[in-house]
Amino acid sequence: MKPTSLSTLAATVVALAIPSAVIAQSADNAHAGHSAAATAPSNSSAMSDGEVRKVDREAKKITLRHGPITNLGMPPMTMVFQVDDATLLDQVKAGDKVKFRADKSGGAYVVKELQPAH
C-alpha cells in the first residue's frame, strides 16, 4: 500500500468512528431519560393541568386537553385516557378545569388521580 492510501484509510476510519460514538452516546442519553421517566415514582407532585373535553363513563375514558405531563415526558395535547376508577368521572364534566395524575399502564395511559382545579 502507498503511504497516502494508508493515511486516507486511517482518516476514513476516524471519520466514521466519531459519528458512531456520538450516535451511541445520544442513544444512551435518550434511553436513560426514558428509563428514568418510566421508573419515576408517581406522586401528587406529578399533577398536570387539563381541561375536560369529553367524559365516557361506560367505556371508563376521559378526553383531556392537557399541558405537559412531566412524569411521562409528554408535551401538551388533547388525548383520551382510561381510568381505573370510574367514580373519578362522576366528579367532572366537559369544560371543567382539572388537575390530574396519569401513568402508563399495560401500554395505555391511565388517569390515576383527578380533582377540580382551584
C-alpha atoms as a PDB file:
ATOM      1  CA  MET A   1       0.000   0.000   0.000  1.00  0.00           C
ATOM      2  CA  LYS A   2       1.132   3.536  -0.640  1.00  0.00           C
ATOM      3  CA  PRO A   3       1.566   5.805   2.393  1.00  0.00           C
ATOM      4  CA  THR A   4      -1.161   8.166   1.141  1.00  0.00           C
ATOM      5  CA  SER A   5      -3.600   5.298   0.831  1.00  0.00           C
ATOM      6  CA  LEU A   6      -2.862   4.214   4.394  1.00  0.00           C
ATOM      7  CA  SER A   7      -3.343   7.727   5.762  1.00  0.00           C
ATOM      8  CA  THR A   8      -6.547   8.096   3.737  1.00  0.00           C
ATOM      9  CA  LEU A   9      -7.824   4.806   5.158  1.00  0.00           C
ATOM     10  CA  ALA A  10      -6.923   5.882   8.713  1.00  0.00           C
ATOM     11  CA  ALA A  11      -8.691   9.225   8.254  1.00  0.00           C
ATOM     12  CA  THR A  12     -11.785   7.441   6.950  1.00  0.00           C
ATOM     13  CA  VAL A  13     -11.856   5.072   9.923  1.00  0.00           C
ATOM     14  CA  VAL A  14     -11.566   8.002  12.355  1.00  0.00           C
ATOM     15  CA  ALA A  15     -14.250   9.964  10.476  1.00  0.00           C
ATOM     16  CA  LEU A  16     -16.629   7.005  10.682  1.00  0.00           C
ATOM     17  CA  ALA A  17     -15.878   6.254  14.332  1.00  0.00           C
ATOM     18  CA  ILE A  18     -16.654   9.745  15.642  1.00  0.00           C
ATOM     19  CA  PRO A  19     -20.270   9.935  14.400  1.00  0.00           C
ATOM     20  CA  SER A  20     -20.871   6.378  15.657  1.00  0.00           C
ATOM     21  CA  ALA A  21     -19.695   7.365  19.131  1.00  0.00           C
ATOM     22  CA  VAL A  22     -21.898  10.459  19.092  1.00  0.00           C
ATOM     23  CA  ILE A  23     -24.922   8.425  17.972  1.00  0.00           C
ATOM     24  CA  ALA A  24     -24.266   5.786  20.630  1.00  0.00           C
ATOM     25  CA  GLN A  25     -23.962   8.480  23.336  1.00  0.00           C
ATOM     26  CA  SER A  26     -27.206  10.105  22.149  1.00  0.00           C
ATOM     27  CA  ALA A  27     -28.985   6.753  22.238  1.00  0.00           C
ATOM     28  CA  ASP A  28     -27.673   6.119  25.764  1.00  0.00           C
ATOM     29  CA  ASN A  29     -28.870   9.538  26.907  1.00  0.00           C
ATOM     30  CA  ALA A  30     -32.300   9.053  25.328  1.00  0.00           C
ATOM     31  CA  HIS A  31     -32.608   5.597  26.867  1.00  0.00           C
ATOM     32  CA  ALA A  32     -31.526   6.875  30.274  1.00  0.00           C
ATOM     33  CA  GLY A  33     -34.145   9.629  30.125  1.00  0.00           C
ATOM     34  CA  HIS A  34     -36.831   7.184  29.053  1.00  0.00           C
ATOM     35  CA  SER A  35     -35.942   4.770  31.834  1.00  0.00           C
ATOM     36  CA  ALA A  36     -35.967   7.497  34.431  1.00  0.00           C
ATOM     37  CA  ALA A  37     -39.430   8.646  33.308  1.00  0.00           C
ATOM     38  CA  ALA A  38     -40.730   5.096  33.192  1.00  0.00           C
ATOM     39  CA  THR A  39     -39.463   4.304  36.677  1.00  0.00           C
ATOM     40  CA  ALA A  40     -40.146   7.695  38.265  1.00  0.00           C
ATOM     41  CA  PRO A  41     -42.270   7.319  41.352  1.00  0.00           C
ATOM     42  CA  SER A  42     -45.830   8.504  40.960  1.00  0.00           C
ATOM     43  CA  ASN A  43     -46.909  11.123  43.425  1.00  0.00           C
ATOM     44  CA  SER A  44     -49.110  14.153  43.704  1.00  0.00           C
ATOM     45  CA  SER A  45     -46.234  16.425  42.686  1.00  0.00           C
ATOM     46  CA  ALA A  46     -46.686  14.929  39.214  1.00  0.00           C
ATOM     47  CA  MET A  47     -50.116  16.541  38.853  1.00  0.00           C
ATOM     48  CA  SER A  48     -50.785  18.112  35.453  1.00  0.00           C
ATOM     49  CA  ASP A  49     -53.275  20.752  34.379  1.00  0.00           C
ATOM     50  CA  GLY A  50     -56.058  19.873  31.981  1.00  0.00           C
ATOM     51  CA  GLU A  51     -59.494  20.682  30.664  1.00  0.00           C
ATOM     52  CA  VAL A  52     -62.135  18.004  30.311  1.00  0.00           C
ATOM     53  CA  ARG A  53     -63.310  17.720  26.716  1.00  0.00           C
ATOM     54  CA  LYS A  54     -65.428  14.566  26.997  1.00  0.00           C
ATOM     55  CA  VAL A  55     -66.418  12.017  29.639  1.00  0.00           C
ATOM     56  CA  ASP A  56     -67.359   8.454  28.620  1.00  0.00           C
ATOM     57  CA  ARG A  57     -68.456   6.712  31.831  1.00  0.00           C
ATOM     58  CA  GLU A  58     -69.469   3.448  30.113  1.00  0.00           C
ATOM     59  CA  ALA A  59     -66.050   2.997  28.497  1.00  0.00           C
ATOM     60  CA  LYS A  60     -64.219   4.381  31.583  1.00  0.00           C
ATOM     61  CA  LYS A  61     -62.473   7.021  29.446  1.00  0.00           C
ATOM     62  CA  ILE A  62     -61.921  10.755  29.616  1.00  0.00           C
ATOM     63  CA  THR A  63     -60.683  13.116  26.917  1.00  0.00           C
ATOM     64  CA  LEU A  64     -58.426  15.835  28.286  1.00  0.00           C
ATOM     65  CA  ARG A  65     -56.748  18.821  26.705  1.00  0.00           C
ATOM     66  CA  HIS A  66     -53.663  18.951  28.887  1.00  0.00           C
ATOM     67  CA  GLY A  67     -50.443  20.782  29.499  1.00  0.00           C
ATOM     68  CA  PRO A  68     -47.118  18.959  29.775  1.00  0.00           C
ATOM     69  CA  ILE A  69     -47.202  15.683  31.693  1.00  0.00           C
ATOM     70  CA  THR A  70     -43.727  15.706  33.193  1.00  0.00           C
ATOM     71  CA  ASN A  71     -43.673  12.201  34.667  1.00  0.00           C
ATOM     72  CA  LEU A  72     -44.473  10.803  31.196  1.00  0.00           C
ATOM     73  CA  GLY A  73     -42.313  13.273  29.240  1.00  0.00           C
ATOM     74  CA  MET A  74     -45.404  14.223  27.225  1.00  0.00           C
ATOM     75  CA  PRO A  75     -45.975  17.630  25.592  1.00  0.00           C
ATOM     76  CA  PRO A  76     -49.312  19.478  25.686  1.00  0.00           C
ATOM     77  CA  MET A  77     -52.049  17.922  23.550  1.00  0.00           C
ATOM     78  CA  THR A  78     -55.599  16.581  23.607  1.00  0.00           C
ATOM     79  CA  MET A  79     -55.970  12.846  24.114  1.00  0.00           C
ATOM     80  CA  VAL A  80     -58.145  10.093  25.527  1.00  0.00           C
ATOM     81  CA  PHE A  81     -57.152   8.474  28.811  1.00  0.00           C
ATOM     82  CA  GLN A  82     -58.514   5.408  30.520  1.00  0.00           C
ATOM     83  CA  VAL A  83     -59.425   5.492  34.205  1.00  0.00           C
ATOM     84  CA  ASP A  84     -59.055   2.601  36.639  1.00  0.00           C
ATOM     85  CA  ASP A  85     -61.697   4.003  38.951  1.00  0.00           C
ATOM     86  CA  ALA A  86     -64.881   5.038  37.105  1.00  0.00           C
ATOM     87  CA  THR A  87     -66.035   7.053  40.135  1.00  0.00           C
ATOM     88  CA  LEU A  88     -63.393   9.640  39.200  1.00  0.00           C
ATOM     89  CA  LEU A  89     -65.584  10.502  36.207  1.00  0.00           C
ATOM     90  CA  ASP A  90     -68.598  11.304  38.413  1.00  0.00           C
ATOM     91  CA  GLN A  91     -66.971  14.493  39.676  1.00  0.00           C
ATOM     92  CA  VAL A  92     -66.262  16.150  36.277  1.00  0.00           C
ATOM     93  CA  LYS A  93     -67.984  17.251  33.079  1.00  0.00           C
ATOM     94  CA  ALA A  94     -66.906  18.707  29.741  1.00  0.00           C
ATOM     95  CA  GLY A  95     -65.414  22.163  30.187  1.00  0.00           C
ATOM     96  CA  ASP A  96     -64.151  21.617  33.753  1.00  0.00           C
ATOM     97  CA  LYS A  97     -60.574  22.617  34.567  1.00  0.00           C
ATOM     98  CA  VAL A  98     -58.811  19.800  36.417  1.00  0.00           C
ATOM     99  CA  LYS A  99     -55.561  18.630  37.917  1.00  0.00           C
ATOM    100  CA  PHE A 100     -54.723  15.015  37.236  1.00  0.00           C
ATOM    101  CA  ARG A 101     -52.037  12.387  37.511  1.00  0.00           C
ATOM    102  CA  ALA A 102     -51.591   9.881  34.717  1.00  0.00           C
ATOM    103  CA  ASP A 103     -49.314   6.885  34.365  1.00  0.00           C
ATOM    104  CA  LYS A 104     -48.634   4.403  31.613  1.00  0.00           C
ATOM    105  CA  SER A 105     -50.065   1.007  32.473  1.00  0.00           C
ATOM    106  CA  GLY A 106     -50.061  -2.006  30.159  1.00  0.00           C
ATOM    107  CA  GLY A 107     -49.460   0.144  27.082  1.00  0.00           C
ATOM    108  CA  ALA A 108     -52.306   2.568  27.900  1.00  0.00           C
ATOM    109  CA  TYR A 109     -52.296   5.996  29.511  1.00  0.00           C
ATOM    110  CA  VAL A 110     -54.421   5.872  32.638  1.00  0.00           C
ATOM    111  CA  VAL A 111     -55.631   8.704  34.868  1.00  0.00           C
ATOM    112  CA  LYS A 112     -54.939   7.620  38.433  1.00  0.00           C
ATOM    113  CA  GLU A 113     -55.997  10.783  40.239  1.00  0.00           C
ATOM    114  CA  LEU A 114     -58.378  13.566  39.169  1.00  0.00           C
ATOM    115  CA  GLN A 115     -59.533  16.664  41.006  1.00  0.00           C
ATOM    116  CA  PRO A 116     -61.085  20.031  40.168  1.00  0.00           C
ATOM    117  CA  ALA A 117     -58.520  22.794  39.649  1.00  0.00           C
ATOM    118  CA  HIS A 118     -58.651  25.633  42.167  1.00  0.00           C
END
